[in-house]
Amino acid sequence: MPSTSLPKAIEASPATRSSPSVVQRLVSRPEFGPLVLLIVEILVFSFLSSRHSVSEAFLTSFPSFLSTSNLSNLLDFTPELGMIALGMTLLMTAGEFDLSVGSVFGFAPVLMWTFANTGATSLEVGFLLAMAVAVIIGFVNGVMVTKLKIPSFLVTLGMLLVVRGSALYITDGFPQRTWSASGPLKDILVGDIFIGDLRFRTSLLWFIAFVAILSYVLTQSRLGNWILAAGGNPDSARARGVRVARTKITLFVLSAVMAAYAGVTSSIRVSAANPNSGTGYELEVIAMVVIGGTALTGGRGTIIGTLLGVLILRMMRNGIVIVGVPGLAYNIFIGAIILGMMALHSWLERRHHAGT
């Protein structure tokens, strides 16, 4: 009697294997873990910050964590650190780091206000000059990494010291006078917008625009393919015609410009240009990018994941203060989240490769 079983070749054929379900594809995405963590974080802080019992929290009181006044405060600073994180995401996807972003964040507004306060230029021209200097800083970083073959960690660490030292030297270590911030530049960068009781600034709109543009660049453009290839296997990418050096130089310039833009935005918002501003931001930004699912080794990056990482850490800083946790414990939470997210990303990646 003839066998009714399928030939082994057909049984082993990929066409006969069941394709991953929608849920499996969703879980395997690098953004899945950060999204779950963000939702859990919002729920936990909403309950903990409520002044009523858990059973009455959603019935008799709106949690203070989600109040319009708190959300307005949360949205003030989030776009500024988020802009730096977006530039860092593309750079890390290409397999490089930029430790000088915190220094550029503090140096750019110092330079802008120095030009304006001395009467050398208007505030708007000073802004453009500060952006031009940021381009030079990023270009120098990129050239030293790609042409001189010096690791980006060492190059940008040196640039961190040069830029921060320049800011301190220019100001003698004192904040710049900034109370004359007004006019079109302020309205464009940090103008107030109200939707009912919720207030946010135009910087949030710029941040959303940058998220959309850079997400498209990374996922839909040829430059995005070059960035992924440069970070995944630069030698193979060069053999296929990818301009690895030019791509990385461009990303170093983008990283510096985004940091400078964020610094200027912050200085106008808070009416302060402190030469020490941005100290430690480079590590917090890298944490945001890593939590969002971008690989430290390059070759994989996600702008949407970085957006989630930014929200996670900003809400963490805001939430622990609201619920009464000492602010000095913030780094403990950051470290725990980084370790937890790295373990989760590793587990999901192993499951994905195993085909489960």
Protein backbone atom coordinates (compact mmCIF):
# COMPACT_ATOMS: atom_id res chain seq x y z
CA MET A 1 0.00 0.00 0.00
CA PRO A 2 1.57 3.29 -1.03
CA SER A 3 2.63 5.64 1.70
CA THR A 4 0.58 8.81 2.06
CA SER A 5 3.31 10.71 3.88
CA LEU A 6 4.88 13.73 2.21
CA PRO A 7 8.39 13.38 0.79
CA LYS A 8 11.06 14.50 3.24
CA ALA A 9 12.18 17.25 0.87
CA ILE A 10 8.69 18.69 0.91
CA GLU A 11 8.35 18.24 4.67
CA ALA A 12 11.54 20.21 5.15
CA SER A 13 10.62 22.84 2.60
CA PRO A 14 10.31 26.37 4.05
CA ALA A 15 7.03 26.77 2.19
CA THR A 16 5.44 24.10 4.39
CA ARG A 17 6.49 25.73 7.65
CA SER A 18 3.95 27.89 9.41
CA SER A 19 4.82 31.55 9.24
CA PRO A 20 5.13 33.52 12.50
CA SER A 21 1.85 34.84 13.84
CA VAL A 22 1.12 38.54 14.27
CA VAL A 23 1.73 38.23 18.01
CA GLN A 24 5.09 36.52 17.46
CA ARG A 25 6.19 39.22 15.03
CA LEU A 26 5.10 41.92 17.48
CA VAL A 27 6.92 40.33 20.42
CA SER A 28 10.10 39.89 18.39
CA ARG A 29 10.31 43.60 17.58
CA PRO A 30 12.87 45.56 19.64
CA GLU A 31 10.20 48.14 20.53
CA PHE A 32 7.95 45.58 22.26
CA GLY A 33 9.85 45.43 25.56
CA PRO A 34 10.13 49.23 25.99
CA LEU A 35 6.44 49.65 25.15
CA VAL A 36 5.40 47.15 27.82
CA LEU A 37 7.73 48.78 30.35
CA LEU A 38 6.35 52.24 29.57
CA ILE A 39 2.75 51.08 30.04
CA VAL A 40 3.61 49.36 33.34
CA GLU A 41 5.47 52.45 34.51
CA ILE A 42 2.52 54.73 33.77
CA LEU A 43 0.10 52.44 35.62
CA VAL A 44 2.37 52.03 38.65
CA PHE A 45 3.11 55.72 39.07
CA SER A 46 -0.54 56.61 38.47
CA PHE A 47 -1.63 54.39 41.34
CA LEU A 48 1.22 55.31 43.68
CA SER A 49 0.73 59.04 43.16
CA SER A 50 -2.99 58.92 43.84
CA ARG A 51 -4.03 60.42 47.16
CA HIS A 52 -6.86 57.93 47.50
CA SER A 53 -6.91 54.17 47.89
CA VAL A 54 -6.23 51.97 44.88
CA SER A 55 -9.90 50.97 44.71
CA GLU A 56 -10.99 54.62 44.53
CA ALA A 57 -8.14 55.95 42.40
CA PHE A 58 -9.97 55.94 39.08
CA LEU A 59 -13.39 56.63 40.59
CA THR A 60 -12.94 59.64 42.83
CA SER A 61 -9.64 61.16 41.86
CA PHE A 62 -7.50 61.63 38.79
CA PRO A 63 -3.93 60.52 39.58
CA SER A 64 -1.59 63.48 40.06
CA PHE A 65 1.01 61.74 37.87
CA LEU A 66 -1.33 62.15 34.90
CA SER A 67 -2.58 65.60 35.83
CA THR A 68 -2.28 68.29 33.17
CA SER A 69 0.12 70.33 35.30
CA ASN A 70 2.47 67.40 35.75
CA LEU A 71 2.26 66.40 32.10
CA SER A 72 3.06 69.98 31.13
CA ASN A 73 6.20 69.88 33.28
CA LEU A 74 7.13 66.47 31.90
CA LEU A 75 6.81 67.66 28.31
CA ASP A 76 9.01 70.70 28.91
CA PHE A 77 12.33 68.88 29.23
CA THR A 78 11.61 65.63 27.40
CA PRO A 79 12.08 66.99 23.84
CA GLU A 80 15.50 68.46 24.64
CA LEU A 81 17.09 65.25 25.87
CA GLY A 82 15.10 63.35 23.24
CA MET A 83 16.67 65.31 20.39
CA ILE A 84 20.13 64.30 21.54
CA ALA A 85 18.99 60.69 21.80
CA LEU A 86 17.72 60.69 18.20
CA GLY A 87 21.10 61.71 16.82
CA MET A 88 22.82 59.19 19.09
CA THR A 89 20.51 56.43 17.83
CA LEU A 90 21.66 56.77 14.24
CA LEU A 91 25.30 57.03 15.29
CA MET A 92 25.12 53.94 17.50
CA THR A 93 23.31 52.05 14.75
CA ALA A 94 26.37 52.77 12.60
CA GLY A 95 28.57 51.31 15.34
CA GLU A 96 29.94 54.52 16.91
CA PHE A 97 29.50 56.62 20.09
CA ASP A 98 29.56 60.34 20.83
CA LEU A 99 30.50 61.19 24.41
CA SER A 100 30.78 64.90 23.63
CA VAL A 101 27.03 65.57 23.22
CA GLY A 102 26.60 66.76 26.82
CA SER A 103 29.43 69.26 26.43
CA VAL A 104 28.08 70.51 23.09
CA PHE A 105 24.67 70.87 24.77
CA GLY A 106 26.23 73.29 27.26
CA PHE A 107 28.69 74.98 24.90
CA ALA A 108 26.31 76.00 22.08
CA PRO A 109 24.08 78.30 24.17
CA VAL A 110 27.15 79.80 25.88
CA LEU A 111 28.54 80.65 22.45
CA MET A 112 25.23 82.04 21.21
CA TRP A 113 24.73 84.26 24.25
CA THR A 114 28.35 85.44 24.19
CA PHE A 115 27.83 86.77 20.66
CA ALA A 116 24.50 88.35 21.61
CA ASN A 117 25.52 89.88 24.96
CA THR A 118 28.69 91.46 23.59
CA GLY A 119 26.71 93.06 20.78
CA ALA A 120 28.73 91.24 18.14
CA THR A 121 25.60 89.77 16.54
CA SER A 122 21.89 89.44 17.07
CA LEU A 123 20.58 86.45 18.99
CA GLU A 124 19.41 84.84 15.74
CA VAL A 125 22.82 85.19 14.08
CA GLY A 126 24.46 83.91 17.24
CA PHE A 127 22.21 80.85 17.02
CA LEU A 128 23.35 80.17 13.45
CA LEU A 129 27.00 80.62 14.41
CA ALA A 130 26.58 78.18 17.30
CA MET A 131 25.06 75.63 14.92
CA ALA A 132 27.97 76.15 12.52
CA VAL A 133 30.48 75.49 15.29
CA ALA A 134 28.55 72.30 16.16
CA VAL A 135 28.94 71.19 12.55
CA ILE A 136 32.70 71.70 12.83
CA ILE A 137 32.84 69.74 16.10
CA GLY A 138 30.94 66.84 14.59
CA PHE A 139 33.04 66.92 11.42
CA VAL A 140 36.30 66.81 13.41
CA ASN A 141 34.97 63.86 15.43
CA GLY A 142 33.97 62.02 12.28
CA VAL A 143 37.22 62.61 10.43
CA MET A 144 39.37 61.52 13.35
CA VAL A 145 37.34 58.33 13.75
CA THR A 146 37.10 57.38 10.07
CA LYS A 147 40.38 58.70 8.64
CA LEU A 148 42.75 58.34 11.58
CA LYS A 149 41.09 55.11 12.77
CA ILE A 150 40.89 56.25 16.38
CA PRO A 151 38.05 54.66 18.38
CA SER A 152 35.09 56.98 18.71
CA PHE A 153 35.08 56.49 22.48
CA LEU A 154 38.53 58.11 22.76
CA VAL A 155 37.95 60.82 20.15
CA THR A 156 34.68 62.05 21.63
CA LEU A 157 36.02 61.76 25.18
CA GLY A 158 38.79 64.15 24.18
CA MET A 159 36.30 66.42 22.43
CA LEU A 160 34.15 66.38 25.58
CA LEU A 161 37.03 67.89 27.53
CA VAL A 162 37.95 70.42 24.82
CA VAL A 163 34.39 71.69 24.40
CA ARG A 164 33.58 71.80 28.10
CA GLY A 165 36.86 73.53 28.82
CA SER A 166 36.13 76.10 26.11
CA ALA A 167 32.73 76.87 27.64
CA LEU A 168 34.28 77.36 31.08
CA TYR A 169 37.11 79.50 29.69
CA ILE A 170 34.76 81.79 27.74
CA THR A 171 32.49 82.39 30.74
CA ASP A 172 35.11 82.20 33.55
CA GLY A 173 32.85 79.47 34.93
CA PHE A 174 29.83 81.75 35.39
CA PRO A 175 26.42 81.49 33.66
CA GLN A 176 25.72 83.91 30.84
CA ARG A 177 23.13 86.70 31.00
CA THR A 178 20.05 85.37 29.20
CA TRP A 179 17.06 87.37 30.37
CA SER A 180 16.77 89.17 27.02
CA ALA A 181 15.52 85.99 25.30
CA SER A 182 12.49 87.12 23.35
CA GLY A 183 11.29 87.60 19.82
CA PRO A 184 10.88 85.23 16.89
CA LEU A 185 13.65 82.80 17.86
CA LYS A 186 12.08 82.13 21.25
CA ASP A 187 8.61 81.74 19.75
CA ILE A 188 9.88 79.32 17.11
CA LEU A 189 11.96 77.17 19.44
CA VAL A 190 10.04 77.18 22.73
CA GLY A 191 6.82 79.11 22.22
CA ASP A 192 3.89 78.15 24.46
CA ILE A 193 0.94 76.21 23.04
CA PHE A 194 -2.22 75.46 25.02
CA ILE A 195 -4.79 72.72 24.51
CA GLY A 196 -7.26 73.33 27.29
CA ASP A 197 -5.31 73.21 30.55
CA LEU A 198 -2.44 71.32 28.95
CA ARG A 199 0.54 73.50 28.09
CA PHE A 200 3.42 72.40 25.95
CA ARG A 201 6.07 74.12 23.89
CA THR A 202 6.91 74.24 20.21
CA SER A 203 10.03 72.23 21.05
CA LEU A 204 7.72 69.21 21.40
CA LEU A 205 6.46 69.73 17.85
CA TRP A 206 10.04 69.96 16.58
CA PHE A 207 10.89 66.77 18.46
CA ILE A 208 7.95 64.92 16.89
CA ALA A 209 9.00 66.19 13.46
CA PHE A 210 12.57 64.95 14.03
CA VAL A 211 11.24 61.55 15.13
CA ALA A 212 9.20 61.23 11.93
CA ILE A 213 11.99 62.39 9.63
CA LEU A 214 14.77 60.29 11.16
CA SER A 215 12.54 57.22 11.43
CA TYR A 216 11.84 57.52 7.71
CA VAL A 217 15.54 58.00 6.98
CA LEU A 218 16.53 54.91 8.96
CA THR A 219 13.82 52.58 7.66
CA GLN A 220 12.93 53.82 4.17
CA SER A 221 15.94 55.55 2.63
CA ARG A 222 19.21 54.50 1.05
CA LEU A 223 21.08 56.38 3.77
CA GLY A 224 19.27 54.23 6.32
CA ASN A 225 20.49 51.09 4.56
CA TRP A 226 24.02 52.50 4.59
CA ILE A 227 23.77 53.24 8.33
CA LEU A 228 22.64 49.69 9.11
CA ALA A 229 25.30 48.20 6.84
CA ALA A 230 28.06 50.39 8.30
CA GLY A 231 27.19 49.22 11.79
CA GLY A 232 26.56 45.59 10.94
CA ASN A 233 29.59 44.76 8.80
CA PRO A 234 31.57 47.77 7.57
CA ASP A 235 34.05 45.73 5.49
CA SER A 236 31.28 43.97 3.61
CA ALA A 237 29.45 47.28 3.24
CA ARG A 238 32.50 48.90 1.61
CA ALA A 239 32.81 45.96 -0.77
CA ARG A 240 29.21 46.59 -1.84
CA GLY A 241 29.83 50.27 -2.53
CA VAL A 242 28.58 51.78 0.73
CA ARG A 243 30.39 55.00 1.61
CA VAL A 244 31.01 54.02 5.21
CA ALA A 245 33.35 56.90 6.12
CA ARG A 246 31.10 59.56 4.61
CA THR A 247 28.06 58.06 6.31
CA LYS A 248 29.70 58.06 9.73
CA ILE A 249 31.03 61.61 9.34
CA THR A 250 27.51 62.75 8.46
CA LEU A 251 26.14 61.06 11.57
CA PHE A 252 28.76 62.64 13.83
CA VAL A 253 27.79 66.04 12.43
CA LEU A 254 24.10 65.25 12.97
CA SER A 255 24.77 64.18 16.56
CA ALA A 256 26.61 67.40 17.37
CA VAL A 257 24.00 69.62 15.69
CA MET A 258 21.14 67.90 17.51
CA ALA A 259 22.95 68.36 20.83
CA ALA A 260 23.64 72.03 20.10
CA TYR A 261 20.04 72.64 19.02
CA ALA A 262 18.75 70.98 22.18
CA GLY A 263 21.11 73.06 24.32
CA VAL A 264 19.98 76.33 22.76
CA THR A 265 16.35 75.29 23.19
CA SER A 266 16.95 74.52 26.86
CA SER A 267 18.79 77.78 27.54
CA ILE A 268 16.00 79.91 26.08
CA ARG A 269 13.35 77.93 27.95
CA VAL A 270 14.99 78.25 31.39
CA SER A 271 16.68 81.62 30.72
CA ALA A 272 20.09 80.24 31.67
CA ALA A 273 23.29 79.36 29.81
CA ASN A 274 25.46 77.53 32.30
CA PRO A 275 28.82 76.26 30.99
CA ASN A 276 28.32 73.11 33.11
CA SER A 277 24.92 72.40 31.62
CA GLY A 278 24.56 68.95 30.11
CA THR A 279 27.10 67.26 32.37
CA GLY A 280 26.35 63.53 32.40
CA TYR A 281 23.78 63.75 29.62
CA GLU A 282 25.87 61.56 27.32
CA LEU A 283 25.43 58.54 29.59
CA GLU A 284 21.74 59.15 30.15
CA VAL A 285 21.18 59.50 26.41
CA ILE A 286 23.03 56.26 25.69
CA ALA A 287 20.84 54.59 28.31
CA MET A 288 17.72 55.85 26.57
CA VAL A 289 18.91 54.55 23.20
CA VAL A 290 19.91 51.16 24.59
CA ILE A 291 16.65 50.74 26.52
CA GLY A 292 14.81 51.54 23.30
CA GLY A 293 16.36 48.53 21.55
CA THR A 294 19.30 49.89 19.57
CA ALA A 295 22.24 47.48 19.63
CA LEU A 296 25.41 48.67 21.35
CA THR A 297 27.47 46.86 18.73
CA GLY A 298 25.72 48.54 15.79
CA GLY A 299 23.73 47.13 12.92
CA ARG A 300 20.33 47.49 14.59
CA GLY A 301 18.55 50.68 15.55
CA THR A 302 15.06 52.00 16.08
CA ILE A 303 13.95 55.61 16.35
CA ILE A 304 10.54 54.64 17.75
CA GLY A 305 12.28 52.52 20.37
CA THR A 306 14.43 55.50 21.34
CA LEU A 307 11.28 57.60 21.70
CA LEU A 308 9.95 55.00 24.13
CA GLY A 309 13.30 54.93 25.96
CA VAL A 310 13.22 58.71 26.35
CA LEU A 311 9.70 58.59 27.77
CA ILE A 312 10.60 55.73 30.12
CA LEU A 313 13.51 57.54 31.75
CA ARG A 314 11.87 60.96 31.81
CA MET A 315 8.73 59.51 33.42
CA MET A 316 10.93 57.58 35.84
CA ARG A 317 12.70 60.75 36.97
CA ASN A 318 9.39 62.59 37.27
CA GLY A 319 7.47 59.74 38.88
CA ILE A 320 9.90 58.86 41.66
CA VAL A 321 9.84 62.48 42.83
CA ILE A 322 6.04 62.56 42.84
CA VAL A 323 5.70 59.35 44.85
CA GLY A 324 8.30 60.50 47.38
CA VAL A 325 11.36 58.47 46.41
CA PRO A 326 14.59 60.49 46.99
CA GLY A 327 15.86 61.92 43.70
CA LEU A 328 19.35 60.60 44.48
CA ALA A 329 17.97 57.08 43.95
CA TYR A 330 17.28 57.83 40.28
CA ASN A 331 20.51 56.21 39.09
CA ILE A 332 19.55 53.01 40.90
CA PHE A 333 16.37 52.81 38.85
CA ILE A 334 18.21 53.62 35.62
CA GLY A 335 20.76 50.88 36.24
CA ALA A 336 18.05 48.35 37.09
CA ILE A 337 16.07 49.22 33.96
CA ILE A 338 19.14 48.96 31.72
CA LEU A 339 20.05 45.54 33.12
CA GLY A 340 16.47 44.33 32.87
CA MET A 341 15.97 45.58 29.31
CA MET A 342 19.25 44.10 28.14
CA ALA A 343 18.21 40.72 29.54
CA LEU A 344 14.80 41.03 27.87
CA HIS A 345 16.27 42.05 24.49
CA SER A 346 18.70 39.14 24.66
CA TRP A 347 15.92 36.68 25.47
CA LEU A 348 13.63 37.95 22.71
CA GLU A 349 16.47 37.86 20.18
CA ARG A 350 17.33 34.26 21.07
CA ARG A 351 13.69 33.24 20.72
CA HIS A 352 13.47 35.02 17.37
CA HIS A 353 16.56 33.27 16.01
CA ALA A 354 15.30 29.95 17.33
CA GLY A 355 12.12 30.44 15.32
CA THR A 356 9.76 30.14 18.29
